[in-house]
Every structure is written in C-alpha cells, then in structure tokens.
Amino acid sequence: MKAEIIAVGTELLLGQIPNVNAQIISKALQEIGIDVYYHTCVGDNQDRLSDVFKISFARSDIVILTGGLGPTKDDLTKETVSNFLNLPLKADKHSLNKMKSFFAHRVRPIAENNYKQALIPEGAYAIENKNGTAPGVLLNNNGKIIVMLPGPPAEMEPMLTEVVIPYLSKMCNATIFSRVLKFYGI
C-alpha cells in the first residue's frame, strides 16, 4: 500500500513551527509495512489544498492529512476533502457532546465557529480527540483510505497510535526494516 502525508498549515510553510507530524506518521506507517511515497505541505488555502488532495487521491492508497481541523475560517481540511469526494458534512453527535462538555467544564460558552469541528463527511468515522476539541476523521472511500488528524502533535499522535495504526495494520501483512550504517575512512 502506498501512503502519502499532507501537512496543512501556513505556519509550516513560514517556518514558524516544524512539521514533526510527517516524521511521526512516517515512522508509525513504516513499522506496519506501509510505504510512504510522498510528503506534501500546503498552506491554509482551499484551492491549493484541493489541488494537492486531488493529486494525492489519484496516486496513493492512503492519504493522511494533518492540520486544518480547527474552528477558524482558514481551517478547511474537512470541507475541502468533502467537496472533492462530493460528501456532505454531518454533525457527529459524540464529538458534539464531548465539545459541549469540554466548554461546560471550563465554564465558557461555545463560540459559534467551534461547532464546525464536530462536522465529518457522511460515512466517515470520527476519531475521538482526548486532548482537544477537533476530532479526527477516518474514511474509506471506494478502497482509498483518507485520514484527517489535528495539527498539534499532542492531539494527533494518540489518535494515530490508538486508532489509525491498529485500523491500517489489519490491512497489511508486512514490516519494513531499515538499518542505518555509518562508515568512516573507507
């Protein structure tokens, strides 16, 4: 299986934060025998993200996107993927209830824009975010696996290790072994 990772966020392109998610995801996929063929980084722009996703969807069996799941207007990952796949976004009740509880516990009202975080493409599975409010998304679309994970590594990594890797490992029966050899003076 060929996998591809798309990191979404203008802050990555500006060098404001490093793209550690690609490293974490690549290592985890390698351990279950999935080849990562491409890493792409794209800013918070719906047209460019749509172009990148179209290419990724055509050439890879698994497309994992990180970032762009937040509550702000430039967080457009789910909307872009849903538009491309022609799937409506539906509210995930569990994610919505968790978000309401999150804000109630902090005695803060939910801003209207936070509600979009509970939306997932029709037919997708919401991955619970134990460290934030934006759930991840797991979708099998005609044999293509699409995974959308939050950008913050502290939110992304538990979803990856607890849900995504166990799901993907059921489809693989190989392991990729790699060894680094360092030579000096030969």
C-alpha atoms as a PDB file:
ATOM      1  CA  MET A   1       0.000   0.000   0.000  1.00  0.00           C
ATOM      2  CA  LYS A   2       1.219   3.467  -0.910  1.00  0.00           C
ATOM      3  CA  ALA A   3       0.660   6.267   1.568  1.00  0.00           C
ATOM      4  CA  GLU A   4       1.003   9.991   1.355  1.00  0.00           C
ATOM      5  CA  ILE A   5       1.061  12.637   4.069  1.00  0.00           C
ATOM      6  CA  ILE A   6      -0.290  16.146   3.568  1.00  0.00           C
ATOM      7  CA  ALA A   7       0.533  18.683   6.266  1.00  0.00           C
ATOM      8  CA  VAL A   8      -1.846  21.637   6.170  1.00  0.00           C
ATOM      9  CA  GLY A   9      -0.895  24.986   7.649  1.00  0.00           C
ATOM     10  CA  THR A  10       0.608  28.248   6.516  1.00  0.00           C
ATOM     11  CA  GLU A  11       2.611  28.324   9.758  1.00  0.00           C
ATOM     12  CA  LEU A  12       4.532  25.277   8.495  1.00  0.00           C
ATOM     13  CA  LEU A  13       5.404  26.960   5.210  1.00  0.00           C
ATOM     14  CA  LEU A  14       6.535  30.118   7.010  1.00  0.00           C
ATOM     15  CA  GLY A  15       8.895  28.082   9.184  1.00  0.00           C
ATOM     16  CA  GLN A  16       7.099  29.144  12.353  1.00  0.00           C
ATOM     17  CA  ILE A  17       6.754  25.531  13.506  1.00  0.00           C
ATOM     18  CA  PRO A  18       8.439  22.314  12.337  1.00  0.00           C
ATOM     19  CA  ASN A  19       6.483  19.574  10.582  1.00  0.00           C
ATOM     20  CA  VAL A  20       7.074  16.859  13.170  1.00  0.00           C
ATOM     21  CA  ASN A  21       3.798  15.123  12.287  1.00  0.00           C
ATOM     22  CA  ALA A  22       5.176  13.837   8.982  1.00  0.00           C
ATOM     23  CA  GLN A  23       8.085  12.217  10.818  1.00  0.00           C
ATOM     24  CA  ILE A  24       5.851  10.653  13.480  1.00  0.00           C
ATOM     25  CA  ILE A  25       3.345   9.325  10.931  1.00  0.00           C
ATOM     26  CA  SER A  26       6.025   8.016   8.537  1.00  0.00           C
ATOM     27  CA  LYS A  27       7.746   6.093  11.322  1.00  0.00           C
ATOM     28  CA  ALA A  28       4.458   4.554  12.511  1.00  0.00           C
ATOM     29  CA  LEU A  29       3.453   3.521   8.992  1.00  0.00           C
ATOM     30  CA  GLN A  30       6.869   2.006   8.289  1.00  0.00           C
ATOM     31  CA  GLU A  31       6.520  -0.169  11.384  1.00  0.00           C
ATOM     32  CA  ILE A  32       3.357  -1.790   9.958  1.00  0.00           C
ATOM     33  CA  GLY A  33       4.722  -2.183   6.432  1.00  0.00           C
ATOM     34  CA  ILE A  34       3.135   0.779   4.678  1.00  0.00           C
ATOM     35  CA  ASP A  35       5.354   2.696   2.267  1.00  0.00           C
ATOM     36  CA  VAL A  36       5.160   6.483   2.430  1.00  0.00           C
ATOM     37  CA  TYR A  37       5.861   7.777  -1.079  1.00  0.00           C
ATOM     38  CA  TYR A  38       5.210  11.492  -0.639  1.00  0.00           C
ATOM     39  CA  HIS A  39       5.194  14.274   1.959  1.00  0.00           C
ATOM     40  CA  THR A  40       3.471  17.492   0.945  1.00  0.00           C
ATOM     41  CA  CYS A  41       2.997  20.709   2.853  1.00  0.00           C
ATOM     42  CA  VAL A  42       0.338  23.183   1.788  1.00  0.00           C
ATOM     43  CA  GLY A  43      -0.889  26.434   3.295  1.00  0.00           C
ATOM     44  CA  ASP A  44      -4.348  27.225   4.578  1.00  0.00           C
ATOM     45  CA  ASN A  45      -5.803  27.836   1.131  1.00  0.00           C
ATOM     46  CA  GLN A  46      -8.741  25.829  -0.148  1.00  0.00           C
ATOM     47  CA  ASP A  47      -7.793  25.934  -3.846  1.00  0.00           C
ATOM     48  CA  ARG A  48      -4.207  24.801  -3.255  1.00  0.00           C
ATOM     49  CA  LEU A  49      -5.302  22.132  -0.756  1.00  0.00           C
ATOM     50  CA  SER A  50      -7.870  20.877  -3.257  1.00  0.00           C
ATOM     51  CA  ASP A  51      -5.192  20.647  -5.972  1.00  0.00           C
ATOM     52  CA  VAL A  52      -2.809  18.774  -3.668  1.00  0.00           C
ATOM     53  CA  PHE A  53      -5.518  16.403  -2.432  1.00  0.00           C
ATOM     54  CA  LYS A  54      -6.650  15.622  -5.993  1.00  0.00           C
ATOM     55  CA  ILE A  55      -3.112  14.542  -6.928  1.00  0.00           C
ATOM     56  CA  SER A  56      -2.673  12.558  -3.698  1.00  0.00           C
ATOM     57  CA  PHE A  57      -6.008  10.802  -4.043  1.00  0.00           C
ATOM     58  CA  ALA A  58      -5.133   9.711  -7.592  1.00  0.00           C
ATOM     59  CA  ARG A  59      -1.692   8.278  -6.809  1.00  0.00           C
ATOM     60  CA  SER A  60      -1.926   6.887  -3.259  1.00  0.00           C
ATOM     61  CA  ASP A  61      -3.945   4.215  -1.471  1.00  0.00           C
ATOM     62  CA  ILE A  62      -3.827   6.075   1.839  1.00  0.00           C
ATOM     63  CA  VAL A  63      -3.881   9.852   2.250  1.00  0.00           C
ATOM     64  CA  ILE A  64      -3.253  11.212   5.730  1.00  0.00           C
ATOM     65  CA  LEU A  65      -3.838  14.917   6.292  1.00  0.00           C
ATOM     66  CA  THR A  66      -2.792  16.762   9.427  1.00  0.00           C
ATOM     67  CA  GLY A  67      -3.950  20.230  10.358  1.00  0.00           C
ATOM     68  CA  GLY A  68      -6.826  22.409   9.270  1.00  0.00           C
ATOM     69  CA  LEU A  69      -9.442  20.847  11.577  1.00  0.00           C
ATOM     70  CA  GLY A  70      -9.743  23.756  13.991  1.00  0.00           C
ATOM     71  CA  PRO A  71     -12.520  26.295  14.468  1.00  0.00           C
ATOM     72  CA  THR A  72     -11.098  29.206  12.465  1.00  0.00           C
ATOM     73  CA  LYS A  73     -12.166  30.255   8.962  1.00  0.00           C
ATOM     74  CA  ASP A  74      -8.846  29.122   7.467  1.00  0.00           C
ATOM     75  CA  ASP A  75      -9.262  25.577   8.855  1.00  0.00           C
ATOM     76  CA  LEU A  76     -10.651  23.987   5.693  1.00  0.00           C
ATOM     77  CA  THR A  77      -9.364  20.414   5.521  1.00  0.00           C
ATOM     78  CA  LYS A  78     -12.669  18.608   6.108  1.00  0.00           C
ATOM     79  CA  GLU A  79     -14.579  20.980   3.866  1.00  0.00           C
ATOM     80  CA  THR A  80     -12.063  20.595   1.044  1.00  0.00           C
ATOM     81  CA  VAL A  81     -11.943  16.790   1.222  1.00  0.00           C
ATOM     82  CA  SER A  82     -15.745  16.572   1.498  1.00  0.00           C
ATOM     83  CA  ASN A  83     -16.200  18.824  -1.527  1.00  0.00           C
ATOM     84  CA  PHE A  84     -13.733  16.775  -3.573  1.00  0.00           C
ATOM     85  CA  LEU A  85     -15.454  13.494  -2.650  1.00  0.00           C
ATOM     86  CA  ASN A  86     -18.920  15.036  -3.021  1.00  0.00           C
ATOM     87  CA  LEU A  87     -19.861  14.008   0.518  1.00  0.00           C
ATOM     88  CA  PRO A  88     -21.977  16.243   2.754  1.00  0.00           C
ATOM     89  CA  LEU A  89     -20.667  17.150   6.206  1.00  0.00           C
ATOM     90  CA  LYS A  90     -22.784  15.818   9.073  1.00  0.00           C
ATOM     91  CA  ALA A  91     -22.583  16.542  12.789  1.00  0.00           C
ATOM     92  CA  ASP A  92     -21.069  13.696  14.797  1.00  0.00           C
ATOM     93  CA  LYS A  93     -23.163  13.541  17.959  1.00  0.00           C
ATOM     94  CA  HIS A  94     -20.428  12.093  20.167  1.00  0.00           C
ATOM     95  CA  SER A  95     -17.942  14.784  19.109  1.00  0.00           C
ATOM     96  CA  LEU A  96     -20.538  17.496  19.609  1.00  0.00           C
ATOM     97  CA  ASN A  97     -21.425  16.242  23.105  1.00  0.00           C
ATOM     98  CA  LYS A  98     -17.746  15.999  24.024  1.00  0.00           C
ATOM     99  CA  MET A  99     -17.204  19.572  22.873  1.00  0.00           C
ATOM    100  CA  LYS A 100     -20.175  20.822  24.892  1.00  0.00           C
ATOM    101  CA  SER A 101     -18.805  19.039  27.948  1.00  0.00           C
ATOM    102  CA  PHE A 102     -15.323  20.473  27.308  1.00  0.00           C
ATOM    103  CA  PHE A 103     -16.606  24.049  27.333  1.00  0.00           C
ATOM    104  CA  ALA A 104     -19.080  23.484  30.202  1.00  0.00           C
ATOM    105  CA  HIS A 105     -16.258  22.119  32.354  1.00  0.00           C
ATOM    106  CA  ARG A 106     -14.312  25.338  31.720  1.00  0.00           C
ATOM    107  CA  VAL A 107     -17.447  27.432  32.334  1.00  0.00           C
ATOM    108  CA  ARG A 108     -17.091  29.045  28.913  1.00  0.00           C
ATOM    109  CA  PRO A 109     -19.660  29.398  26.152  1.00  0.00           C
ATOM    110  CA  ILE A 110     -19.016  27.615  22.863  1.00  0.00           C
ATOM    111  CA  ALA A 111     -18.233  30.079  20.108  1.00  0.00           C
ATOM    112  CA  GLU A 112     -20.368  29.524  17.017  1.00  0.00           C
ATOM    113  CA  ASN A 113     -17.324  28.659  14.896  1.00  0.00           C
ATOM    114  CA  ASN A 114     -16.411  25.758  17.234  1.00  0.00           C
ATOM    115  CA  TYR A 115     -19.453  23.791  16.096  1.00  0.00           C
ATOM    116  CA  LYS A 116     -17.854  23.116  12.709  1.00  0.00           C
ATOM    117  CA  GLN A 117     -15.273  20.946  14.448  1.00  0.00           C
ATOM    118  CA  ALA A 118     -17.962  18.304  15.091  1.00  0.00           C
ATOM    119  CA  LEU A 119     -18.758  18.005  11.374  1.00  0.00           C
ATOM    120  CA  ILE A 120     -17.428  14.974   9.494  1.00  0.00           C
ATOM    121  CA  PRO A 121     -18.021  13.669   5.969  1.00  0.00           C
ATOM    122  CA  GLU A 122     -21.023  11.394   5.594  1.00  0.00           C
ATOM    123  CA  GLY A 123     -19.960   7.754   6.004  1.00  0.00           C
ATOM    124  CA  ALA A 124     -16.791   8.639   7.921  1.00  0.00           C
ATOM    125  CA  TYR A 125     -15.785   7.565  11.413  1.00  0.00           C
ATOM    126  CA  ALA A 126     -14.928  10.277  13.966  1.00  0.00           C
ATOM    127  CA  ILE A 127     -11.743   9.652  15.949  1.00  0.00           C
ATOM    128  CA  GLU A 128     -12.075  10.959  19.481  1.00  0.00           C
ATOM    129  CA  ASN A 129      -9.648  13.692  20.442  1.00  0.00           C
ATOM    130  CA  LYS A 130      -8.712  13.133  24.086  1.00  0.00           C
ATOM    131  CA  ASN A 131      -6.509  16.248  24.189  1.00  0.00           C
ATOM    132  CA  GLY A 132      -8.561  18.830  22.298  1.00  0.00           C
ATOM    133  CA  THR A 133     -11.867  19.612  20.661  1.00  0.00           C
ATOM    134  CA  ALA A 134     -11.303  18.694  16.994  1.00  0.00           C
ATOM    135  CA  PRO A 135     -11.991  15.010  16.281  1.00  0.00           C
ATOM    136  CA  GLY A 136     -10.009  13.179  13.674  1.00  0.00           C
ATOM    137  CA  VAL A 137     -11.673  11.505  10.706  1.00  0.00           C
ATOM    138  CA  LEU A 138     -11.244   8.050   9.189  1.00  0.00           C
ATOM    139  CA  LEU A 139     -12.893   7.394   5.844  1.00  0.00           C
ATOM    140  CA  ASN A 140     -12.790   4.503   3.401  1.00  0.00           C
ATOM    141  CA  ASN A 141     -13.890   5.874   0.029  1.00  0.00           C
ATOM    142  CA  ASN A 142     -14.080   3.127  -2.594  1.00  0.00           C
ATOM    143  CA  GLY A 143     -10.939   1.436  -1.286  1.00  0.00           C
ATOM    144  CA  LYS A 144      -8.995   4.658  -0.691  1.00  0.00           C
ATOM    145  CA  ILE A 145      -8.281   5.390   2.954  1.00  0.00           C
ATOM    146  CA  ILE A 146      -8.438   9.037   3.971  1.00  0.00           C
ATOM    147  CA  VAL A 147      -7.390  10.083   7.454  1.00  0.00           C
ATOM    148  CA  MET A 148      -7.670  13.624   8.792  1.00  0.00           C
ATOM    149  CA  LEU A 149      -5.879  14.402  12.047  1.00  0.00           C
ATOM    150  CA  PRO A 150      -5.410  17.614  14.028  1.00  0.00           C
ATOM    151  CA  GLY A 151      -2.176  19.555  13.597  1.00  0.00           C
ATOM    152  CA  PRO A 152      -0.967  19.743  17.206  1.00  0.00           C
ATOM    153  CA  PRO A 153       1.236  16.651  17.751  1.00  0.00           C
ATOM    154  CA  ALA A 154      -0.137  16.148  21.282  1.00  0.00           C
ATOM    155  CA  GLU A 155      -3.596  15.696  19.746  1.00  0.00           C
ATOM    156  CA  MET A 156      -2.544  13.896  16.572  1.00  0.00           C
ATOM    157  CA  GLU A 157      -0.197  11.244  17.970  1.00  0.00           C
ATOM    158  CA  PRO A 158      -2.641   9.477  20.358  1.00  0.00           C
ATOM    159  CA  MET A 159      -5.230   9.255  17.571  1.00  0.00           C
ATOM    160  CA  LEU A 160      -2.608   7.830  15.252  1.00  0.00           C
ATOM    161  CA  THR A 161      -1.314   5.185  17.667  1.00  0.00           C
ATOM    162  CA  GLU A 162      -4.635   4.243  19.282  1.00  0.00           C
ATOM    163  CA  VAL A 163      -6.960   4.212  16.262  1.00  0.00           C
ATOM    164  CA  VAL A 164      -5.338   4.766  12.865  1.00  0.00           C
ATOM    165  CA  ILE A 165      -2.372   2.371  13.111  1.00  0.00           C
ATOM    166  CA  PRO A 166      -4.476  -0.518  14.511  1.00  0.00           C
ATOM    167  CA  TYR A 167      -7.020   0.059  11.700  1.00  0.00           C
ATOM    168  CA  LEU A 168      -4.375   0.147   8.974  1.00  0.00           C
ATOM    169  CA  SER A 169      -2.386  -2.774  10.390  1.00  0.00           C
ATOM    170  CA  LYS A 170      -5.360  -5.065   9.725  1.00  0.00           C
ATOM    171  CA  MET A 171      -4.821  -4.410   6.007  1.00  0.00           C
ATOM    172  CA  CYS A 172      -1.092  -5.071   5.986  1.00  0.00           C
ATOM    173  CA  ASN A 173       0.923  -8.206   6.484  1.00  0.00           C
ATOM    174  CA  ALA A 174       4.433  -6.819   6.129  1.00  0.00           C
ATOM    175  CA  THR A 175       7.018  -4.865   8.025  1.00  0.00           C
ATOM    176  CA  ILE A 176       9.623  -2.552   6.606  1.00  0.00           C
ATOM    177  CA  PHE A 177      13.013  -2.992   8.217  1.00  0.00           C
ATOM    178  CA  SER A 178      15.589  -0.280   7.836  1.00  0.00           C
ATOM    179  CA  ARG A 179      19.130  -0.019   9.120  1.00  0.00           C
ATOM    180  CA  VAL A 180      21.462   2.973   9.006  1.00  0.00           C
ATOM    181  CA  LEU A 181      25.118   2.128   8.599  1.00  0.00           C
ATOM    182  CA  LYS A 182      27.749   4.800   9.134  1.00  0.00           C
ATOM    183  CA  PHE A 183      31.218   4.363   7.716  1.00  0.00           C
ATOM    184  CA  TYR A 184      34.264   6.474   8.210  1.00  0.00           C
ATOM    185  CA  GLY A 185      37.605   6.418   6.445  1.00  0.00           C
ATOM    186  CA  ILE A 186      36.914   3.801   3.807  1.00  0.00           C
END
